[in-house]
C-alpha atoms as a PDB file:
ATOM      1  CA  MET A   1       0.152   0.065  -0.308  1.00  0.00           C
ATOM      2  CA  SER A   2       1.426   2.874  -1.088  1.00  0.00           C
ATOM      3  CA  LEU A   3       0.182   6.599  -1.556  1.00  0.00           C
ATOM      4  CA  SER A   4      -0.953   6.233  -5.262  1.00  0.00           C
ATOM      5  CA  ASP A   5      -3.420   2.928  -3.518  1.00  0.00           C
ATOM      6  CA  TYR A   6      -5.058   5.713  -1.640  1.00  0.00           C
ATOM      7  CA  GLY A   7      -7.993   7.760  -2.876  1.00  0.00           C
ATOM      8  CA  SER A   8      -8.666  10.363  -0.182  1.00  0.00           C
ATOM      9  CA  ALA A   9      -7.712  11.992   3.202  1.00  0.00           C
ATOM     10  CA  LEU A  10      -9.158  14.256   6.002  1.00  0.00           C
ATOM     11  CA  VAL A  11      -6.636  16.768   7.653  1.00  0.00           C
ATOM     12  CA  THR A  12      -8.107  18.645  10.507  1.00  0.00           C
ATOM     13  CA  GLY A  13      -6.120  22.005  11.558  1.00  0.00           C
ATOM     14  CA  ALA A  14      -6.101  22.416   7.986  1.00  0.00           C
ATOM     15  CA  SER A  15      -6.700  26.712   8.109  1.00  0.00           C
ATOM     16  CA  SER A  16      -3.033  27.475   8.398  1.00  0.00           C
ATOM     17  CA  GLY A  17       0.659  26.405   9.172  1.00  0.00           C
ATOM     18  CA  ILE A  18       0.925  22.266   8.646  1.00  0.00           C
ATOM     19  CA  GLY A  19      -2.579  21.665   7.900  1.00  0.00           C
ATOM     20  CA  THR A  20      -2.691  23.328   4.958  1.00  0.00           C
ATOM     21  CA  ALA A  21       0.558  22.493   3.923  1.00  0.00           C
ATOM     22  CA  LEU A  22      -0.293  18.834   3.729  1.00  0.00           C
ATOM     23  CA  VAL A  23      -3.321  19.615   2.172  1.00  0.00           C
ATOM     24  CA  ARG A  24      -1.586  20.738  -0.830  1.00  0.00           C
ATOM     25  CA  ALA A  25       0.493  18.316  -0.502  1.00  0.00           C
ATOM     26  CA  LEU A  26      -2.172  15.692  -0.968  1.00  0.00           C
ATOM     27  CA  THR A  27      -3.898  17.528  -3.266  1.00  0.00           C
ATOM     28  CA  GLU A  28      -0.763  17.808  -5.549  1.00  0.00           C
ATOM     29  CA  ARG A  29      -0.909  13.924  -5.695  1.00  0.00           C
ATOM     30  CA  GLY A  30      -4.328  13.430  -6.429  1.00  0.00           C
ATOM     31  CA  ILE A  31      -5.791  12.835  -3.140  1.00  0.00           C
ATOM     32  CA  LYS A  32      -9.041  14.149  -2.804  1.00  0.00           C
ATOM     33  CA  THR A  33      -8.423  15.801   0.413  1.00  0.00           C
ATOM     34  CA  TYR A  34     -11.467  16.813   3.049  1.00  0.00           C
ATOM     35  CA  ALA A  35     -10.046  20.212   4.637  1.00  0.00           C
ATOM     36  CA  LEU A  36     -11.320  20.487   8.337  1.00  0.00           C
ATOM     37  CA  ALA A  37     -11.416  23.493  10.499  1.00  0.00           C
ATOM     38  CA  ARG A  38     -13.060  26.337  12.169  1.00  0.00           C
ATOM     39  CA  ARG A  39     -11.717  29.509  10.339  1.00  0.00           C
ATOM     40  CA  ARG A  40     -14.462  29.425   6.803  1.00  0.00           C
ATOM     41  CA  LYS A  41     -12.762  32.076   4.887  1.00  0.00           C
ATOM     42  CA  ARG A  42      -9.677  30.230   5.026  1.00  0.00           C
ATOM     43  CA  LEU A  43     -10.521  27.027   3.907  1.00  0.00           C
ATOM     44  CA  ASP A  44     -12.624  28.264   1.287  1.00  0.00           C
ATOM     45  CA  ALA A  45      -9.336  30.369   0.181  1.00  0.00           C
ATOM     46  CA  LEU A  46      -7.620  26.997   0.419  1.00  0.00           C
ATOM     47  CA  ALA A  47     -10.441  25.134  -1.703  1.00  0.00           C
ATOM     48  CA  THR A  48     -10.349  27.931  -4.437  1.00  0.00           C
ATOM     49  CA  GLU A  49      -6.476  26.944  -4.141  1.00  0.00           C
ATOM     50  CA  THR A  50      -6.770  23.282  -3.763  1.00  0.00           C
ATOM     51  CA  GLY A  51      -9.300  21.917  -4.768  1.00  0.00           C
ATOM     52  CA  CYS A  52      -9.562  20.558  -1.585  1.00  0.00           C
ATOM     53  CA  THR A  53     -13.381  19.841   0.320  1.00  0.00           C
ATOM     54  CA  PRO A  54     -13.597  22.488   3.281  1.00  0.00           C
ATOM     55  CA  LEU A  55     -15.437  20.976   6.721  1.00  0.00           C
ATOM     56  CA  VAL A  56     -16.344  23.666   9.029  1.00  0.00           C
ATOM     57  CA  VAL A  57     -15.803  21.871  12.539  1.00  0.00           C
ATOM     58  CA  ASP A  58     -15.193  23.118  16.187  1.00  0.00           C
ATOM     59  CA  LEU A  59     -13.295  20.272  17.109  1.00  0.00           C
ATOM     60  CA  ARG A  60     -14.290  20.487  20.978  1.00  0.00           C
ATOM     61  CA  ASP A  61     -17.667  19.344  20.444  1.00  0.00           C
ATOM     62  CA  LYS A  62     -17.886  16.279  19.726  1.00  0.00           C
ATOM     63  CA  GLU A  63     -21.083  16.064  19.021  1.00  0.00           C
ATOM     64  CA  GLU A  64     -20.322  18.195  15.702  1.00  0.00           C
ATOM     65  CA  ILE A  65     -17.668  15.462  15.177  1.00  0.00           C
ATOM     66  CA  ASP A  66     -20.195  12.945  14.916  1.00  0.00           C
ATOM     67  CA  ARG A  67     -22.550  15.316  12.689  1.00  0.00           C
ATOM     68  CA  ALA A  68     -19.917  16.346  10.369  1.00  0.00           C
ATOM     69  CA  LEU A  69     -17.998  12.852  10.121  1.00  0.00           C
ATOM     70  CA  SER A  70     -20.546  10.166  10.642  1.00  0.00           C
ATOM     71  CA  GLU A  71     -20.845   9.415   7.072  1.00  0.00           C
ATOM     72  CA  LEU A  72     -17.406  10.261   5.609  1.00  0.00           C
ATOM     73  CA  ASP A  73     -15.529   7.888   4.427  1.00  0.00           C
ATOM     74  CA  VAL A  74     -11.752   7.941   3.700  1.00  0.00           C
ATOM     75  CA  ASP A  75      -8.618   6.541   3.501  1.00  0.00           C
ATOM     76  CA  ILE A  76      -6.088   8.259   5.614  1.00  0.00           C
ATOM     77  CA  LEU A  77      -6.949  10.809   8.924  1.00  0.00           C
ATOM     78  CA  ILE A  78      -4.205  12.973   9.317  1.00  0.00           C
ATOM     79  CA  ASN A  79      -5.367  14.806  12.951  1.00  0.00           C
ATOM     80  CA  ASN A  80      -3.001  17.718  12.788  1.00  0.00           C
ATOM     81  CA  ALA A  81      -5.150  19.981  14.927  1.00  0.00           C
ATOM     82  CA  GLY A  82      -3.782  21.693  18.104  1.00  0.00           C
ATOM     83  CA  HIS A  83      -2.506  24.117  19.877  1.00  0.00           C
ATOM     84  CA  GLY A  84      -0.508  25.749  22.850  1.00  0.00           C
ATOM     85  CA  ARG A  85      -1.312  28.487  25.310  1.00  0.00           C
ATOM     86  CA  SER A  86       0.840  29.960  27.911  1.00  0.00           C
ATOM     87  CA  GLU A  87      -0.274  28.814  31.008  1.00  0.00           C
ATOM     88  CA  GLY A  88       2.882  29.103  32.880  1.00  0.00           C
ATOM     89  CA  PRO A  89       3.638  26.347  35.938  1.00  0.00           C
ATOM     90  CA  LEU A  90       0.566  24.429  36.760  1.00  0.00           C
ATOM     91  CA  HIS A  91       0.555  25.344  40.049  1.00  0.00           C
ATOM     92  CA  GLN A  92      -0.523  29.060  38.101  1.00  0.00           C
ATOM     93  CA  ALA A  93      -1.960  27.746  35.216  1.00  0.00           C
ATOM     94  CA  ASP A  94      -5.231  29.756  34.123  1.00  0.00           C
ATOM     95  CA  VAL A  95      -8.136  26.436  34.503  1.00  0.00           C
ATOM     96  CA  ASN A  96      -9.557  27.051  30.987  1.00  0.00           C
ATOM     97  CA  ALA A  97      -6.274  27.109  29.140  1.00  0.00           C
ATOM     98  CA  ILE A  98      -5.941  23.685  30.534  1.00  0.00           C
ATOM     99  CA  TYR A  99      -8.700  22.455  29.789  1.00  0.00           C
ATOM    100  CA  ASP A 100      -9.394  23.895  26.063  1.00  0.00           C
ATOM    101  CA  MET A 101      -5.991  22.378  25.584  1.00  0.00           C
ATOM    102  CA  ILE A 102      -7.035  18.777  26.240  1.00  0.00           C
ATOM    103  CA  GLN A 103     -10.001  19.419  24.773  1.00  0.00           C
ATOM    104  CA  THR A 104      -8.323  20.358  21.486  1.00  0.00           C
ATOM    105  CA  ASN A 105      -5.220  18.450  21.728  1.00  0.00           C
ATOM    106  CA  VAL A 106      -6.529  15.168  23.142  1.00  0.00           C
ATOM    107  CA  SER A 107      -9.780  14.827  23.327  1.00  0.00           C
ATOM    108  CA  SER A 108     -10.460  15.689  19.673  1.00  0.00           C
ATOM    109  CA  GLY A 109      -8.336  13.332  18.286  1.00  0.00           C
ATOM    110  CA  LEU A 110      -9.785  10.412  20.750  1.00  0.00           C
ATOM    111  CA  HIS A 111     -13.399  11.300  18.620  1.00  0.00           C
ATOM    112  CA  LEU A 112     -11.194  11.738  15.295  1.00  0.00           C
ATOM    113  CA  VAL A 113      -9.939   7.707  15.611  1.00  0.00           C
ATOM    114  CA  ARG A 114     -13.450   6.787  17.075  1.00  0.00           C
ATOM    115  CA  ALA A 115     -15.315   8.660  14.083  1.00  0.00           C
ATOM    116  CA  ILE A 116     -13.160   7.444  11.284  1.00  0.00           C
ATOM    117  CA  SER A 117     -10.904   4.050  12.320  1.00  0.00           C
ATOM    118  CA  PRO A 118     -13.900   1.454  11.595  1.00  0.00           C
ATOM    119  CA  ARG A 119     -14.623   2.202   8.241  1.00  0.00           C
ATOM    120  CA  LEU A 120     -10.740   1.403   8.171  1.00  0.00           C
ATOM    121  CA  VAL A 121     -10.709  -1.628   9.802  1.00  0.00           C
ATOM    122  CA  ALA A 122     -13.959  -3.297   7.755  1.00  0.00           C
ATOM    123  CA  ARG A 123     -11.508  -2.424   4.593  1.00  0.00           C
ATOM    124  CA  ARG A 124      -8.638  -3.363   6.265  1.00  0.00           C
ATOM    125  CA  HIS A 125      -6.341  -0.710   4.808  1.00  0.00           C
ATOM    126  CA  GLY A 126      -5.641   2.710   5.611  1.00  0.00           C
ATOM    127  CA  HIS A 127      -3.317   4.960   7.776  1.00  0.00           C
ATOM    128  CA  ILE A 128      -3.509   7.721  10.918  1.00  0.00           C
ATOM    129  CA  VAL A 129      -1.104   9.966  11.591  1.00  0.00           C
ATOM    130  CA  MET A 130      -1.230  11.786  14.078  1.00  0.00           C
ATOM    131  CA  ILE A 131       0.679  15.044  14.639  1.00  0.00           C
ATOM    132  CA  GLY A 132       2.741  15.329  17.660  1.00  0.00           C
ATOM    133  CA  SER A 133       5.790  16.993  18.985  1.00  0.00           C
ATOM    134  CA  VAL A 134       8.930  16.918  20.863  1.00  0.00           C
ATOM    135  CA  ALA A 135       6.950  18.175  23.351  1.00  0.00           C
ATOM    136  CA  GLY A 136       5.073  14.729  24.225  1.00  0.00           C
ATOM    137  CA  LEU A 137       8.586  13.016  23.918  1.00  0.00           C
ATOM    138  CA  HIS A 138      11.086  15.382  26.214  1.00  0.00           C
ATOM    139  CA  PRO A 139      10.845  17.570  28.988  1.00  0.00           C
ATOM    140  CA  ILE A 140      10.611  21.376  27.649  1.00  0.00           C
ATOM    141  CA  LYS A 141       8.722  23.067  30.911  1.00  0.00           C
ATOM    142  CA  ALA A 142       5.376  23.494  29.685  1.00  0.00           C
ATOM    143  CA  SER A 143       3.601  20.433  31.968  1.00  0.00           C
ATOM    144  CA  VAL A 144      -0.238  21.121  30.678  1.00  0.00           C
ATOM    145  CA  TYR A 145       0.850  21.338  26.942  1.00  0.00           C
ATOM    146  CA  GLY A 146       3.423  18.686  26.974  1.00  0.00           C
ATOM    147  CA  ALA A 147       0.826  16.491  28.805  1.00  0.00           C
ATOM    148  CA  THR A 148      -1.253  16.526  25.636  1.00  0.00           C
ATOM    149  CA  LYS A 149       1.436  15.609  23.385  1.00  0.00           C
ATOM    150  CA  GLY A 150       2.834  12.950  25.687  1.00  0.00           C
ATOM    151  CA  ALA A 151      -1.116  11.513  25.248  1.00  0.00           C
ATOM    152  CA  ILE A 152      -0.859  11.723  21.780  1.00  0.00           C
ATOM    153  CA  HIS A 153       2.621   9.939  21.868  1.00  0.00           C
ATOM    154  CA  LEU A 154       1.112   6.881  24.400  1.00  0.00           C
ATOM    155  CA  LEU A 155      -2.431   7.206  21.760  1.00  0.00           C
ATOM    156  CA  CYS A 156      -0.304   6.130  18.830  1.00  0.00           C
ATOM    157  CA  GLN A 157       1.736   3.122  20.374  1.00  0.00           C
ATOM    158  CA  ASN A 158      -1.261   1.757  21.506  1.00  0.00           C
ATOM    159  CA  LEU A 159      -3.586   1.894  18.431  1.00  0.00           C
ATOM    160  CA  ARG A 160      -0.944   0.152  16.865  1.00  0.00           C
ATOM    161  CA  ILE A 161      -1.519  -3.119  19.534  1.00  0.00           C
ATOM    162  CA  GLU A 162      -5.197  -2.291  18.724  1.00  0.00           C
ATOM    163  CA  LEU A 163      -4.639  -2.245  15.129  1.00  0.00           C
ATOM    164  CA  VAL A 164      -2.180  -5.079  14.165  1.00  0.00           C
ATOM    165  CA  GLY A 165      -3.202  -7.417  11.434  1.00  0.00           C
ATOM    166  CA  THR A 166      -5.979  -4.927  10.788  1.00  0.00           C
ATOM    167  CA  GLY A 167      -4.039  -3.581   7.635  1.00  0.00           C
ATOM    168  CA  VAL A 168      -3.921   0.034   9.430  1.00  0.00           C
ATOM    169  CA  ARG A 169      -1.218   1.526   9.909  1.00  0.00           C
ATOM    170  CA  VAL A 170      -0.186   4.313  12.803  1.00  0.00           C
ATOM    171  CA  THR A 171       2.320   6.701  12.274  1.00  0.00           C
ATOM    172  CA  GLU A 172       3.267   9.793  14.191  1.00  0.00           C
ATOM    173  CA  ILE A 173       5.331  12.661  13.476  1.00  0.00           C
ATOM    174  CA  CYS A 174       7.168  14.555  16.096  1.00  0.00           C
ATOM    175  CA  PRO A 175       8.070  18.348  15.173  1.00  0.00           C
ATOM    176  CA  GLY A 176      10.284  20.689  16.482  1.00  0.00           C
ATOM    177  CA  ARG A 177       9.786  24.435  15.914  1.00  0.00           C
ATOM    178  CA  VAL A 178       8.103  24.974  13.085  1.00  0.00           C
ATOM    179  CA  ARG A 179       7.360  28.303  11.563  1.00  0.00           C
ATOM    180  CA  THR A 180       3.474  28.506  11.986  1.00  0.00           C
ATOM    181  CA  GLU A 181       0.908  31.124  14.137  1.00  0.00           C
ATOM    182  CA  PHE A 182       1.441  28.262  16.855  1.00  0.00           C
ATOM    183  CA  PHE A 183       4.076  30.611  19.069  1.00  0.00           C
ATOM    184  CA  GLU A 184       2.465  34.093  18.546  1.00  0.00           C
ATOM    185  CA  HIS A 185      -0.888  32.372  19.437  1.00  0.00           C
ATOM    186  CA  ALA A 186       0.505  30.608  22.551  1.00  0.00           C
ATOM    187  CA  PHE A 187       2.569  33.612  24.062  1.00  0.00           C
ATOM    188  CA  GLY A 188       1.482  36.377  22.017  1.00  0.00           C
ATOM    189  CA  THR A 189       3.680  38.523  19.181  1.00  0.00           C
ATOM    190  CA  ALA A 190       6.531  39.579  21.057  1.00  0.00           C
ATOM    191  CA  GLN A 191       7.296  36.863  23.339  1.00  0.00           C
ATOM    192  CA  GLY A 192       6.231  34.086  19.922  1.00  0.00           C
ATOM    193  CA  ARG A 193       9.173  35.904  18.072  1.00  0.00           C
ATOM    194  CA  GLU A 194      11.580  36.135  20.765  1.00  0.00           C
ATOM    195  CA  LEU A 195      10.976  32.099  20.605  1.00  0.00           C
ATOM    196  CA  THR A 196      11.338  31.752  16.372  1.00  0.00           C
ATOM    197  CA  SER A 197      14.509  34.298  16.229  1.00  0.00           C
ATOM    198  CA  GLY A 198      18.042  33.751  15.750  1.00  0.00           C
ATOM    199  CA  PHE A 199      18.102  30.457  14.049  1.00  0.00           C
ATOM    200  CA  THR A 200      16.258  28.579  10.884  1.00  0.00           C
ATOM    201  CA  LEU A 201      12.831  27.120  11.444  1.00  0.00           C
ATOM    202  CA  LEU A 202      11.075  23.979  10.089  1.00  0.00           C
ATOM    203  CA  GLU A 203       8.760  25.016   7.463  1.00  0.00           C
ATOM    204  CA  PRO A 204       5.168  23.282   7.583  1.00  0.00           C
ATOM    205  CA  GLU A 205       6.422  21.971   4.083  1.00  0.00           C
ATOM    206  CA  ASP A 206       9.146  19.940   5.882  1.00  0.00           C
ATOM    207  CA  ILE A 207       6.370  18.164   7.867  1.00  0.00           C
ATOM    208  CA  ALA A 208       3.980  17.423   4.950  1.00  0.00           C
ATOM    209  CA  SER A 209       6.994  15.989   3.261  1.00  0.00           C
ATOM    210  CA  ALA A 210       7.487  13.754   6.103  1.00  0.00           C
ATOM    211  CA  VAL A 211       4.333  12.652   6.136  1.00  0.00           C
ATOM    212  CA  VAL A 212       3.772  11.906   2.665  1.00  0.00           C
ATOM    213  CA  HIS A 213       6.982   9.480   3.081  1.00  0.00           C
ATOM    214  CA  ALA A 214       5.269   7.713   5.897  1.00  0.00           C
ATOM    215  CA  LEU A 215       2.258   7.115   3.620  1.00  0.00           C
ATOM    216  CA  ASP A 216       3.931   6.489   0.520  1.00  0.00           C
ATOM    217  CA  ALA A 217       5.971   3.264   2.464  1.00  0.00           C
ATOM    218  CA  PRO A 218       5.382  -0.008   0.793  1.00  0.00           C
ATOM    219  CA  GLN A 219       2.159  -1.504   3.296  1.00  0.00           C
ATOM    220  CA  ARG A 220       5.062  -4.098   4.618  1.00  0.00           C
ATOM    221  CA  VAL A 221       6.703  -0.920   6.481  1.00  0.00           C
ATOM    222  CA  ASN A 222       4.833   1.250   9.235  1.00  0.00           C
ATOM    223  CA  ILE A 223       6.866   4.066   9.954  1.00  0.00           C
ATOM    224  CA  THR A 224       5.473   4.452  13.393  1.00  0.00           C
ATOM    225  CA  MET A 225       7.279   7.520  14.832  1.00  0.00           C
ATOM    226  CA  VAL A 226       9.549  10.320  12.971  1.00  0.00           C
ATOM    227  CA  GLU A 227      10.676  12.716  15.274  1.00  0.00           C
ATOM    228  CA  MET A 228      12.404  16.188  13.480  1.00  0.00           C
ATOM    229  CA  THR A 229      14.024  19.615  14.842  1.00  0.00           C
ATOM    230  CA  PRO A 230      15.682  22.404  13.224  1.00  0.00           C
ATOM    231  CA  THR A 231      19.473  21.792  12.805  1.00  0.00           C
ATOM    232  CA  GLU A 232      19.510  24.372  15.178  1.00  0.00           C
ATOM    233  CA  GLN A 233      17.499  22.536  17.901  1.00  0.00           C
ATOM    234  CA  ALA A 234      17.813  20.540  20.407  1.00  0.00           C
ATOM    235  CA  VAL A 235      16.028  19.009  23.305  1.00  0.00           C
ATOM    236  CA  GLY A 236      16.228  18.472  26.689  1.00  0.00           C
ATOM    237  CA  GLY A 237      18.449  19.100  29.414  1.00  0.00           C
ATOM    238  CA  LEU A 238      19.301  19.460  32.928  1.00  0.00           C
ATOM    239  CA  GLN A 239      18.319  22.598  35.220  1.00  0.00           C
ATOM    240  CA  ILE A 240      19.234  22.810  38.571  1.00  0.00           C
ATOM    241  CA  ALA A 241      18.076  25.935  41.091  1.00  0.00           C
ATOM    242  CA  GLU A 242      20.169  26.431  44.293  1.00  0.00           C
ATOM    243  CA  SER A 243      17.329  26.314  46.997  1.00  0.00           C
ATOM    244  CA  GLY A 244      17.834  27.640  50.865  1.00  0.00           C
ATOM    245  CA  ASN A 245      15.037  25.193  52.105  1.00  0.00           C
ATOM    246  CA  ILE A 246      16.646  21.432  51.857  1.00  0.00           C
ATOM    247  CA  ALA A 247      18.947  20.701  54.270  1.00  0.00           C
END
């Protein structure tokens, strides 16, 4: 099973950044692509450009997911929708920010797989791609966002076990910093620009290329996880703080 054997795909978070790049890459390969997001004007513009089919859905609402996707039959699910918010340390985090990230980054992904995967299993072929993050693999001083992406990482690992023998493949893509709207939305314009300046970031097209590579692999190959960062970004390290409170 290579990409040429697939006919259709659903891409979430399609109105900007990685999602838009994915829609362009798939439609260029002749895949009928459903582009899902909340921003209708952007989706309509993308449909005019690429020929994709726009779906305006708020993924935080599981009933809306069911209404929009109950009859949708695709070969590929790419769960890209997600965001971060500058919640600060967990003990200072805004409760609404916590639950919004959980609903958008975790719950929606679970509901999407629940809605789409039965038809993949019934056909005994298909591909589920989850856009995770290096934040789900390594500590990065963002407890809530890291926890949501860590949940996606374990979801993918468990899905592979549940789906083994069905012919349905599961791929997780874990990017580092990418040139998108993410950081300005999460941290505000000034801090967002600071976090993405001074080195060369990944581009959304880099992530789309990795996804296409995984989809295009022969059926005997499941590219389970791809971790990719800018050349000038390394994740991890040890932090130590002096304290006079410990004897």
